[in-house]
Amino acid sequence: MDHSELPNKTAEEVESIPVSRPVSVTILGLGVLIITIINLTRLVLSVMYWDFLVNWSGVSPSYMMLSGLIWTLIGSILSWGLWTAKSWAPRLMRAGALAYALYYWLDQVFLMSHPSSGAVGIQRALLPVNWQFAVGVTVVCLVFMAWTLERPKARAYFGINGLDTKDDSLKLDNL
């Protein structure tokens, strides 16, 4: 915000004016909310269909319930933090996004069965049919998250001061 627009305001008053949520942070928050709802659905369905899942020769229902619970809790806290501009939200977002991407790929490679895709050898055994698309979506989401959280508007929204070398030297001289 340009200080010349508010001639009667002091520097402290200008600093305390709330910054509106950038659209990119809103999109990021909605993405987190969607993933949270998917994991909540996983949690609820694993509890509802526990007997079926126990008899099914797939993944343990305990794993499905526990992973759904963990990602629902993390996603809920993160959604709230992003929406309400908590200063810790960008750090948790970075850590959560990397952890979720790792969890997703470990789940895909080691726990999911992969139908015949024309692939042979180890690629057929380890990778899902649409692995190229899934890699692309993972990379795009991680890049969008990093770009969003580093933008000056997002940093201002979360109350993170962007320091450059000129400002640092001025602050040190004033001490």
C-alpha atoms as a PDB file:
ATOM      1  CA  MET A   1       0.000   0.000   0.000  1.00  0.00           C
ATOM      2  CA  ASP A   2       1.355   3.419  -0.906  1.00  0.00           C
ATOM      3  CA  HIS A   3       1.794   5.687   2.110  1.00  0.00           C
ATOM      4  CA  SER A   4       0.918   8.748   0.001  1.00  0.00           C
ATOM      5  CA  GLU A   5      -2.637   7.435  -0.306  1.00  0.00           C
ATOM      6  CA  LEU A   6      -3.125   7.829   3.457  1.00  0.00           C
ATOM      7  CA  PRO A   7      -1.661  11.232   4.360  1.00  0.00           C
ATOM      8  CA  ASN A   8      -3.247  11.442   7.824  1.00  0.00           C
ATOM      9  CA  LYS A   9      -2.149   7.968   8.973  1.00  0.00           C
ATOM     10  CA  THR A  10       0.969   7.178  10.967  1.00  0.00           C
ATOM     11  CA  ALA A  11       3.326   4.388   9.915  1.00  0.00           C
ATOM     12  CA  GLU A  12       2.007   2.149  12.723  1.00  0.00           C
ATOM     13  CA  GLU A  13      -1.591   2.669  11.597  1.00  0.00           C
ATOM     14  CA  VAL A  14      -0.700   1.847   7.996  1.00  0.00           C
ATOM     15  CA  GLU A  15       1.131  -1.321   9.135  1.00  0.00           C
ATOM     16  CA  SER A  16      -1.897  -2.453  11.170  1.00  0.00           C
ATOM     17  CA  ILE A  17      -4.367  -2.233   8.261  1.00  0.00           C
ATOM     18  CA  PRO A  18      -5.431  -5.816   7.498  1.00  0.00           C
ATOM     19  CA  VAL A  19      -4.231  -7.203   4.180  1.00  0.00           C
ATOM     20  CA  SER A  20      -6.859  -8.973   2.104  1.00  0.00           C
ATOM     21  CA  ARG A  21      -6.355 -12.617   1.185  1.00  0.00           C
ATOM     22  CA  PRO A  22      -4.735 -13.015  -2.246  1.00  0.00           C
ATOM     23  CA  VAL A  23      -6.650 -15.099  -4.771  1.00  0.00           C
ATOM     24  CA  SER A  24      -3.765 -17.568  -5.037  1.00  0.00           C
ATOM     25  CA  VAL A  25      -3.898 -18.197  -1.260  1.00  0.00           C
ATOM     26  CA  THR A  26      -7.668 -18.720  -1.543  1.00  0.00           C
ATOM     27  CA  ILE A  27      -7.123 -21.286  -4.326  1.00  0.00           C
ATOM     28  CA  LEU A  28      -4.419 -22.986  -2.259  1.00  0.00           C
ATOM     29  CA  GLY A  29      -6.723 -23.091   0.765  1.00  0.00           C
ATOM     30  CA  LEU A  30      -9.563 -24.564  -1.301  1.00  0.00           C
ATOM     31  CA  GLY A  31      -7.204 -27.235  -2.643  1.00  0.00           C
ATOM     32  CA  VAL A  32      -6.210 -28.153   0.909  1.00  0.00           C
ATOM     33  CA  LEU A  33      -9.881 -28.231   1.895  1.00  0.00           C
ATOM     34  CA  ILE A  34     -10.714 -30.590  -0.997  1.00  0.00           C
ATOM     35  CA  ILE A  35      -7.907 -32.978  -0.022  1.00  0.00           C
ATOM     36  CA  THR A  36      -9.082 -32.771   3.601  1.00  0.00           C
ATOM     37  CA  ILE A  37     -12.641 -33.706   2.587  1.00  0.00           C
ATOM     38  CA  ILE A  38     -11.339 -36.631   0.503  1.00  0.00           C
ATOM     39  CA  ASN A  39      -9.410 -37.910   3.531  1.00  0.00           C
ATOM     40  CA  LEU A  40     -12.404 -37.379   5.815  1.00  0.00           C
ATOM     41  CA  THR A  41     -14.420 -39.472   3.364  1.00  0.00           C
ATOM     42  CA  ARG A  42     -11.693 -42.144   3.496  1.00  0.00           C
ATOM     43  CA  LEU A  43     -11.886 -42.108   7.303  1.00  0.00           C
ATOM     44  CA  VAL A  44     -15.686 -42.343   7.441  1.00  0.00           C
ATOM     45  CA  LEU A  45     -15.955 -45.034   4.754  1.00  0.00           C
ATOM     46  CA  SER A  46     -13.222 -47.158   6.322  1.00  0.00           C
ATOM     47  CA  VAL A  47     -15.162 -47.133   9.605  1.00  0.00           C
ATOM     48  CA  MET A  48     -18.522 -47.759   7.895  1.00  0.00           C
ATOM     49  CA  TYR A  49     -17.255 -50.657   5.778  1.00  0.00           C
ATOM     50  CA  TRP A  50     -14.784 -52.093   8.268  1.00  0.00           C
ATOM     51  CA  ASP A  51     -16.144 -55.672   8.014  1.00  0.00           C
ATOM     52  CA  PHE A  52     -15.913 -55.671   4.237  1.00  0.00           C
ATOM     53  CA  LEU A  53     -12.378 -54.249   4.298  1.00  0.00           C
ATOM     54  CA  VAL A  54     -11.192 -56.809   6.879  1.00  0.00           C
ATOM     55  CA  ASN A  55     -12.280 -59.667   4.598  1.00  0.00           C
ATOM     56  CA  TRP A  56     -10.836 -58.022   1.501  1.00  0.00           C
ATOM     57  CA  SER A  57      -7.299 -59.045   0.688  1.00  0.00           C
ATOM     58  CA  GLY A  58      -6.119 -55.493   0.227  1.00  0.00           C
ATOM     59  CA  VAL A  59      -4.822 -52.833   2.551  1.00  0.00           C
ATOM     60  CA  SER A  60      -5.694 -53.006   6.237  1.00  0.00           C
ATOM     61  CA  PRO A  61      -8.724 -50.942   7.257  1.00  0.00           C
ATOM     62  CA  SER A  62      -6.658 -49.709  10.211  1.00  0.00           C
ATOM     63  CA  TYR A  63      -4.187 -48.132   7.774  1.00  0.00           C
ATOM     64  CA  MET A  64      -7.008 -46.559   5.784  1.00  0.00           C
ATOM     65  CA  MET A  65      -8.699 -45.211   8.906  1.00  0.00           C
ATOM     66  CA  LEU A  66      -5.469 -43.938  10.492  1.00  0.00           C
ATOM     67  CA  SER A  67      -4.197 -42.248   7.321  1.00  0.00           C
ATOM     68  CA  GLY A  68      -7.618 -40.679   6.765  1.00  0.00           C
ATOM     69  CA  LEU A  69      -7.657 -39.400  10.350  1.00  0.00           C
ATOM     70  CA  ILE A  70      -4.115 -37.984  10.228  1.00  0.00           C
ATOM     71  CA  TRP A  71      -4.609 -36.150   6.916  1.00  0.00           C
ATOM     72  CA  THR A  72      -8.054 -34.905   7.985  1.00  0.00           C
ATOM     73  CA  LEU A  73      -6.577 -33.382  11.149  1.00  0.00           C
ATOM     74  CA  ILE A  74      -3.564 -31.868   9.375  1.00  0.00           C
ATOM     75  CA  GLY A  75      -5.731 -30.558   6.541  1.00  0.00           C
ATOM     76  CA  SER A  76      -8.275 -29.037   8.913  1.00  0.00           C
ATOM     77  CA  ILE A  77      -5.617 -27.196  10.893  1.00  0.00           C
ATOM     78  CA  LEU A  78      -3.885 -26.077   7.711  1.00  0.00           C
ATOM     79  CA  SER A  79      -7.109 -24.894   6.059  1.00  0.00           C
ATOM     80  CA  TRP A  80      -7.954 -22.849   9.131  1.00  0.00           C
ATOM     81  CA  GLY A  81      -4.432 -21.414   9.281  1.00  0.00           C
ATOM     82  CA  LEU A  82      -4.420 -20.432   5.603  1.00  0.00           C
ATOM     83  CA  TRP A  83      -7.900 -18.920   5.796  1.00  0.00           C
ATOM     84  CA  THR A  84      -7.208 -16.880   8.927  1.00  0.00           C
ATOM     85  CA  ALA A  85      -3.662 -15.767   7.956  1.00  0.00           C
ATOM     86  CA  LYS A  86      -1.788 -17.483  10.771  1.00  0.00           C
ATOM     87  CA  SER A  87       1.945 -16.773  10.569  1.00  0.00           C
ATOM     88  CA  TRP A  88       2.793 -20.484  10.956  1.00  0.00           C
ATOM     89  CA  ALA A  89       0.564 -21.562   8.053  1.00  0.00           C
ATOM     90  CA  PRO A  90       3.138 -21.158   5.232  1.00  0.00           C
ATOM     91  CA  ARG A  91       5.686 -23.344   7.056  1.00  0.00           C
ATOM     92  CA  LEU A  92       3.067 -25.986   7.806  1.00  0.00           C
ATOM     93  CA  MET A  93       1.835 -25.759   4.207  1.00  0.00           C
ATOM     94  CA  ARG A  94       5.307 -26.438   2.812  1.00  0.00           C
ATOM     95  CA  ALA A  95       5.939 -29.332   5.200  1.00  0.00           C
ATOM     96  CA  GLY A  96       2.444 -30.746   4.741  1.00  0.00           C
ATOM     97  CA  ALA A  97       2.571 -30.556   0.950  1.00  0.00           C
ATOM     98  CA  LEU A  98       5.914 -32.338   0.775  1.00  0.00           C
ATOM     99  CA  ALA A  99       4.794 -34.960   3.303  1.00  0.00           C
ATOM    100  CA  TYR A 100       1.505 -35.518   1.451  1.00  0.00           C
ATOM    101  CA  ALA A 101       3.286 -35.888  -1.903  1.00  0.00           C
ATOM    102  CA  LEU A 102       5.673 -38.425  -0.336  1.00  0.00           C
ATOM    103  CA  TYR A 103       2.774 -40.272   1.312  1.00  0.00           C
ATOM    104  CA  TYR A 104       0.831 -40.331  -1.979  1.00  0.00           C
ATOM    105  CA  TRP A 105       3.730 -41.765  -3.977  1.00  0.00           C
ATOM    106  CA  LEU A 106       4.703 -44.335  -1.341  1.00  0.00           C
ATOM    107  CA  ASP A 107       1.053 -45.392  -1.186  1.00  0.00           C
ATOM    108  CA  GLN A 108       0.856 -45.638  -4.978  1.00  0.00           C
ATOM    109  CA  VAL A 109       4.094 -47.548  -5.407  1.00  0.00           C
ATOM    110  CA  PHE A 110       3.926 -49.979  -2.476  1.00  0.00           C
ATOM    111  CA  LEU A 111       0.257 -50.450  -1.561  1.00  0.00           C
ATOM    112  CA  MET A 112      -1.897 -50.052  -4.645  1.00  0.00           C
ATOM    113  CA  SER A 113      -2.335 -52.871  -7.117  1.00  0.00           C
ATOM    114  CA  HIS A 114      -1.736 -51.747 -10.675  1.00  0.00           C
ATOM    115  CA  PRO A 115      -3.867 -53.139 -13.490  1.00  0.00           C
ATOM    116  CA  SER A 116      -2.315 -54.164 -16.758  1.00  0.00           C
ATOM    117  CA  SER A 117      -1.217 -51.040 -18.584  1.00  0.00           C
ATOM    118  CA  GLY A 118       0.911 -52.456 -21.359  1.00  0.00           C
ATOM    119  CA  ALA A 119       3.987 -51.732 -19.273  1.00  0.00           C
ATOM    120  CA  VAL A 120       6.461 -54.503 -18.613  1.00  0.00           C
ATOM    121  CA  GLY A 121       8.841 -55.413 -15.843  1.00  0.00           C
ATOM    122  CA  ILE A 122       9.355 -53.195 -12.843  1.00  0.00           C
ATOM    123  CA  GLN A 123       7.353 -50.286 -14.305  1.00  0.00           C
ATOM    124  CA  ARG A 124       4.247 -52.490 -14.424  1.00  0.00           C
ATOM    125  CA  ALA A 125       4.810 -53.705 -10.878  1.00  0.00           C
ATOM    126  CA  LEU A 126       5.443 -50.306  -9.273  1.00  0.00           C
ATOM    127  CA  LEU A 127       3.771 -47.519 -11.206  1.00  0.00           C
ATOM    128  CA  PRO A 128       0.083 -46.809 -11.757  1.00  0.00           C
ATOM    129  CA  VAL A 129      -1.294 -46.709 -15.286  1.00  0.00           C
ATOM    130  CA  ASN A 130      -1.477 -42.909 -15.294  1.00  0.00           C
ATOM    131  CA  TRP A 131       1.818 -42.284 -13.506  1.00  0.00           C
ATOM    132  CA  GLN A 132       2.960 -39.593 -15.964  1.00  0.00           C
ATOM    133  CA  PHE A 133      -0.192 -37.581 -15.318  1.00  0.00           C
ATOM    134  CA  ALA A 134       0.107 -38.097 -11.548  1.00  0.00           C
ATOM    135  CA  VAL A 135       3.740 -36.917 -11.588  1.00  0.00           C
ATOM    136  CA  GLY A 136       2.710 -33.844 -13.588  1.00  0.00           C
ATOM    137  CA  VAL A 137      -0.102 -32.983 -11.168  1.00  0.00           C
ATOM    138  CA  THR A 138       2.216 -33.476  -8.179  1.00  0.00           C
ATOM    139  CA  VAL A 139       4.870 -31.177  -9.655  1.00  0.00           C
ATOM    140  CA  VAL A 140       2.343 -28.503 -10.712  1.00  0.00           C
ATOM    141  CA  CYS A 141       0.730 -28.500  -7.265  1.00  0.00           C
ATOM    142  CA  LEU A 142       4.079 -28.230  -5.451  1.00  0.00           C
ATOM    143  CA  VAL A 143       5.277 -25.443  -7.764  1.00  0.00           C
ATOM    144  CA  PHE A 144       1.974 -23.553  -7.371  1.00  0.00           C
ATOM    145  CA  MET A 145       2.213 -23.879  -3.588  1.00  0.00           C
ATOM    146  CA  ALA A 146       5.803 -22.606  -3.516  1.00  0.00           C
ATOM    147  CA  TRP A 147       5.028 -19.749  -5.913  1.00  0.00           C
ATOM    148  CA  THR A 148       1.931 -18.728  -3.955  1.00  0.00           C
ATOM    149  CA  LEU A 149       3.673 -18.656  -0.587  1.00  0.00           C
ATOM    150  CA  GLU A 150       6.650 -16.645  -1.883  1.00  0.00           C
ATOM    151  CA  ARG A 151       4.605 -13.905  -3.522  1.00  0.00           C
ATOM    152  CA  PRO A 152       4.865 -10.504  -1.776  1.00  0.00           C
ATOM    153  CA  LYS A 153       1.078 -10.259  -1.359  1.00  0.00           C
ATOM    154  CA  ALA A 154       0.938 -13.670   0.318  1.00  0.00           C
ATOM    155  CA  ARG A 155       3.890 -12.830   2.559  1.00  0.00           C
ATOM    156  CA  ALA A 156       2.145  -9.595   3.578  1.00  0.00           C
ATOM    157  CA  TYR A 157      -1.119 -11.504   4.177  1.00  0.00           C
ATOM    158  CA  PHE A 158       0.651 -13.880   6.565  1.00  0.00           C
ATOM    159  CA  GLY A 159       2.575 -11.033   8.188  1.00  0.00           C
ATOM    160  CA  ILE A 160       5.942 -12.233   6.932  1.00  0.00           C
ATOM    161  CA  ASN A 161       8.301  -9.333   6.347  1.00  0.00           C
ATOM    162  CA  GLY A 162      10.263  -9.559   3.118  1.00  0.00           C
ATOM    163  CA  LEU A 163      13.727  -8.269   3.874  1.00  0.00           C
ATOM    164  CA  ASP A 164      16.107  -7.185   1.164  1.00  0.00           C
ATOM    165  CA  THR A 165      19.668  -6.040   1.696  1.00  0.00           C
ATOM    166  CA  LYS A 166      18.928  -2.313   1.388  1.00  0.00           C
ATOM    167  CA  ASP A 167      16.258  -2.462   4.079  1.00  0.00           C
ATOM    168  CA  ASP A 168      18.530  -4.541   6.350  1.00  0.00           C
ATOM    169  CA  SER A 169      21.326  -1.995   6.220  1.00  0.00           C
ATOM    170  CA  LEU A 170      18.927   0.845   6.975  1.00  0.00           C
ATOM    171  CA  LYS A 171      17.495  -1.004   9.966  1.00  0.00           C
ATOM    172  CA  LEU A 172      20.942  -1.831  11.306  1.00  0.00           C
ATOM    173  CA  ASP A 173      22.034   1.794  10.960  1.00  0.00           C
ATOM    174  CA  ASN A 174      19.025   2.959  12.956  1.00  0.00           C
ATOM    175  CA  LEU A 175      19.773   0.689  15.925  1.00  0.00           C
END
